[in-house]
Each structure stands twice: as structure tokens, then as C-alpha cells.
Amino acid sequence: MKMANALLSIQIIPRTPGGESVIPYVDRAIEIIKASGVPYRVAPLETTMEGELNHLLSIVQEMNAAMTEMGCPSVISQIKVYYNPADGASMDVLLEKYPDGQ
């Protein structure tokens, strides 16, 4: 298995039909991440994924498509990318000093 070269954090903000709650839409986006098989962590304001950058970007694309398929006229996806092809990228390594998130 290839070492991950990127971390990608995403906050997806769908414009929902009729001003509905975004929660079911965000839940669907997280289902897509889970189904992708990449390591991920859900946090209160964003979800971080670990993997190959191209694959992570394709997951973002799939998430946005799912929002429009669910009836959202538009979607904002705010992403942050940590890219380290030489040494790899790991959530565990970056967070090893903070095992309890503190």
C-alpha cells in the first residue's frame, strides 16, 4: 500500500432546498468519505481525510455531486490541504503530542 501524501480537511456547506437543515446533507457527505475507505476524522466544523491527493480531491467531487443530486442548488466546499509527497502525510503523526485532542 502506498503511503499517504496528503491530508485534506473539508467543511461542506450545501444550500439546501427550502432552507432545510444541513445535517442530513452533511451526514451524506460523511457517508461518502466512509465508503471511500480512506482514514478520516470527523470534528465539529470539518472532517479530515488522509490519502493520495488525487483520490481525496475525487472524494470532494463526489461529495459535491451528491449534494446537487439531493436537490441542493449550490454547494460551498472549504478545503485545506497538507501535501507532503517526500515524507508522507499522517494524521496520527501530526497529532501524536495530543492523544486526547487536548
C-alpha atoms as a PDB file:
ATOM      1  CA  MET A   1       0.000   0.000   0.000  1.00  0.00           C
ATOM      2  CA  LYS A   2       1.276   3.425  -0.944  1.00  0.00           C
ATOM      3  CA  MET A   3       1.992   5.898   1.833  1.00  0.00           C
ATOM      4  CA  ALA A   4      -0.482   8.768   2.024  1.00  0.00           C
ATOM      5  CA  ASN A   5       0.903  12.006   0.628  1.00  0.00           C
ATOM      6  CA  ALA A   6      -1.843  14.372   1.762  1.00  0.00           C
ATOM      7  CA  LEU A   7      -4.314  15.368   4.408  1.00  0.00           C
ATOM      8  CA  LEU A   8      -7.440  17.162   3.260  1.00  0.00           C
ATOM      9  CA  SER A   9      -9.900  18.822   5.609  1.00  0.00           C
ATOM     10  CA  ILE A  10     -13.310  19.751   4.274  1.00  0.00           C
ATOM     11  CA  GLN A  11     -16.257  21.729   5.519  1.00  0.00           C
ATOM     12  CA  ILE A  12     -19.150  21.248   3.133  1.00  0.00           C
ATOM     13  CA  ILE A  13     -21.884  23.892   3.183  1.00  0.00           C
ATOM     14  CA  PRO A  14     -24.797  22.971   0.925  1.00  0.00           C
ATOM     15  CA  ARG A  15     -27.513  25.477   0.103  1.00  0.00           C
ATOM     16  CA  THR A  16     -30.448  23.290   0.956  1.00  0.00           C
ATOM     17  CA  PRO A  17     -33.815  23.316  -0.791  1.00  0.00           C
ATOM     18  CA  GLY A  18     -36.300  25.445   1.128  1.00  0.00           C
ATOM     19  CA  GLY A  19     -33.810  26.291   3.861  1.00  0.00           C
ATOM     20  CA  GLU A  20     -33.851  22.763   5.321  1.00  0.00           C
ATOM     21  CA  SER A  21     -31.341  21.724   7.988  1.00  0.00           C
ATOM     22  CA  VAL A  22     -27.938  20.880   6.538  1.00  0.00           C
ATOM     23  CA  ILE A  23     -27.441  17.938   8.917  1.00  0.00           C
ATOM     24  CA  PRO A  24     -28.833  15.175   6.626  1.00  0.00           C
ATOM     25  CA  TYR A  25     -26.696  16.561   3.797  1.00  0.00           C
ATOM     26  CA  VAL A  26     -23.544  16.641   5.909  1.00  0.00           C
ATOM     27  CA  ASP A  27     -24.336  13.104   7.081  1.00  0.00           C
ATOM     28  CA  ARG A  28     -24.498  12.010   3.418  1.00  0.00           C
ATOM     29  CA  ALA A  29     -21.140  13.680   2.714  1.00  0.00           C
ATOM     30  CA  ILE A  30     -19.575  11.805   5.640  1.00  0.00           C
ATOM     31  CA  GLU A  31     -21.094   8.530   4.354  1.00  0.00           C
ATOM     32  CA  ILE A  32     -19.247   9.130   1.070  1.00  0.00           C
ATOM     33  CA  ILE A  33     -15.975   9.614   2.927  1.00  0.00           C
ATOM     34  CA  LYS A  34     -16.573   6.457   4.978  1.00  0.00           C
ATOM     35  CA  ALA A  35     -17.409   4.428   1.858  1.00  0.00           C
ATOM     36  CA  SER A  36     -14.184   5.598   0.178  1.00  0.00           C
ATOM     37  CA  GLY A  37     -12.111   3.596   2.660  1.00  0.00           C
ATOM     38  CA  VAL A  38      -9.652   6.402   3.456  1.00  0.00           C
ATOM     39  CA  PRO A  39      -8.733   7.110   7.075  1.00  0.00           C
ATOM     40  CA  TYR A  40     -10.741  10.093   8.330  1.00  0.00           C
ATOM     41  CA  ARG A  41     -11.666  12.013  11.459  1.00  0.00           C
ATOM     42  CA  VAL A  42     -14.878  13.943  11.970  1.00  0.00           C
ATOM     43  CA  ALA A  43     -14.582  17.134  14.016  1.00  0.00           C
ATOM     44  CA  PRO A  44     -17.251  19.701  14.898  1.00  0.00           C
ATOM     45  CA  LEU A  45     -16.527  22.042  11.981  1.00  0.00           C
ATOM     46  CA  GLU A  46     -14.744  19.876   9.404  1.00  0.00           C
ATOM     47  CA  THR A  47     -13.697  16.354   8.526  1.00  0.00           C
ATOM     48  CA  THR A  48     -10.093  15.422   7.752  1.00  0.00           C
ATOM     49  CA  MET A  49      -9.158  12.645   5.332  1.00  0.00           C
ATOM     50  CA  GLU A  50      -5.770  11.012   4.725  1.00  0.00           C
ATOM     51  CA  GLY A  51      -4.618   9.569   1.402  1.00  0.00           C
ATOM     52  CA  GLU A  52      -3.366  10.321  -2.080  1.00  0.00           C
ATOM     53  CA  LEU A  53      -4.180  13.901  -3.051  1.00  0.00           C
ATOM     54  CA  ASN A  54      -5.863  12.996  -6.352  1.00  0.00           C
ATOM     55  CA  HIS A  55      -8.062  10.422  -4.613  1.00  0.00           C
ATOM     56  CA  LEU A  56      -9.014  12.872  -1.847  1.00  0.00           C
ATOM     57  CA  LEU A  57      -9.971  15.504  -4.429  1.00  0.00           C
ATOM     58  CA  SER A  58     -12.123  12.940  -6.245  1.00  0.00           C
ATOM     59  CA  ILE A  59     -13.945  12.258  -2.960  1.00  0.00           C
ATOM     60  CA  VAL A  60     -14.625  16.002  -2.638  1.00  0.00           C
ATOM     61  CA  GLN A  61     -16.001  15.974  -6.171  1.00  0.00           C
ATOM     62  CA  GLU A  62     -18.258  13.018  -5.322  1.00  0.00           C
ATOM     63  CA  MET A  63     -19.482  14.790  -2.168  1.00  0.00           C
ATOM     64  CA  ASN A  64     -20.411  17.914  -4.130  1.00  0.00           C
ATOM     65  CA  ALA A  65     -22.213  15.853  -6.779  1.00  0.00           C
ATOM     66  CA  ALA A  66     -24.193  14.072  -4.059  1.00  0.00           C
ATOM     67  CA  MET A  67     -25.366  17.406  -2.654  1.00  0.00           C
ATOM     68  CA  THR A  68     -26.744  18.512  -6.007  1.00  0.00           C
ATOM     69  CA  GLU A  69     -28.313  15.070  -6.533  1.00  0.00           C
ATOM     70  CA  MET A  70     -30.111  15.585  -3.195  1.00  0.00           C
ATOM     71  CA  GLY A  71     -31.584  18.823  -4.543  1.00  0.00           C
ATOM     72  CA  CYS A  72     -29.120  21.477  -3.384  1.00  0.00           C
ATOM     73  CA  PRO A  73     -28.864  24.241  -5.988  1.00  0.00           C
ATOM     74  CA  SER A  74     -25.296  25.060  -4.913  1.00  0.00           C
ATOM     75  CA  VAL A  75     -22.557  23.930  -2.536  1.00  0.00           C
ATOM     76  CA  ILE A  76     -19.564  25.606  -0.924  1.00  0.00           C
ATOM     77  CA  SER A  77     -16.689  23.287  -0.022  1.00  0.00           C
ATOM     78  CA  GLN A  78     -13.997  24.877   2.075  1.00  0.00           C
ATOM     79  CA  ILE A  79     -10.895  22.716   1.974  1.00  0.00           C
ATOM     80  CA  LYS A  80      -7.435  22.764   3.492  1.00  0.00           C
ATOM     81  CA  VAL A  81      -4.705  20.570   2.057  1.00  0.00           C
ATOM     82  CA  TYR A  82      -1.440  19.426   3.606  1.00  0.00           C
ATOM     83  CA  TYR A  83       0.659  17.887   0.823  1.00  0.00           C
ATOM     84  CA  ASN A  84       3.958  16.157   1.575  1.00  0.00           C
ATOM     85  CA  PRO A  85       4.953  13.775  -1.219  1.00  0.00           C
ATOM     86  CA  ALA A  86       8.535  13.326   0.026  1.00  0.00           C
ATOM     87  CA  ASP A  87       7.832  12.264   3.618  1.00  0.00           C
ATOM     88  CA  GLY A  88       4.141  11.386   3.511  1.00  0.00           C
ATOM     89  CA  ALA A  89       1.231  12.736   5.497  1.00  0.00           C
ATOM     90  CA  SER A  90      -0.327  11.206   8.594  1.00  0.00           C
ATOM     91  CA  MET A  91      -2.977  12.452  10.999  1.00  0.00           C
ATOM     92  CA  ASP A  92      -1.505  10.223  13.711  1.00  0.00           C
ATOM     93  CA  VAL A  93       1.990  11.673  13.328  1.00  0.00           C
ATOM     94  CA  LEU A  94       0.756  15.267  13.350  1.00  0.00           C
ATOM     95  CA  LEU A  95      -1.415  14.612  16.407  1.00  0.00           C
ATOM     96  CA  GLU A  96       0.872  12.308  18.412  1.00  0.00           C
ATOM     97  CA  LYS A  97       1.544  15.042  21.007  1.00  0.00           C
ATOM     98  CA  TYR A  98      -2.226  15.408  21.529  1.00  0.00           C
ATOM     99  CA  PRO A  99      -3.606  11.907  22.056  1.00  0.00           C
ATOM    100  CA  ASP A 100      -6.784  13.152  23.734  1.00  0.00           C
ATOM    101  CA  GLY A 101      -7.283  16.117  21.417  1.00  0.00           C
ATOM    102  CA  GLN A 102      -6.203  18.468  24.200  1.00  0.00           C
END
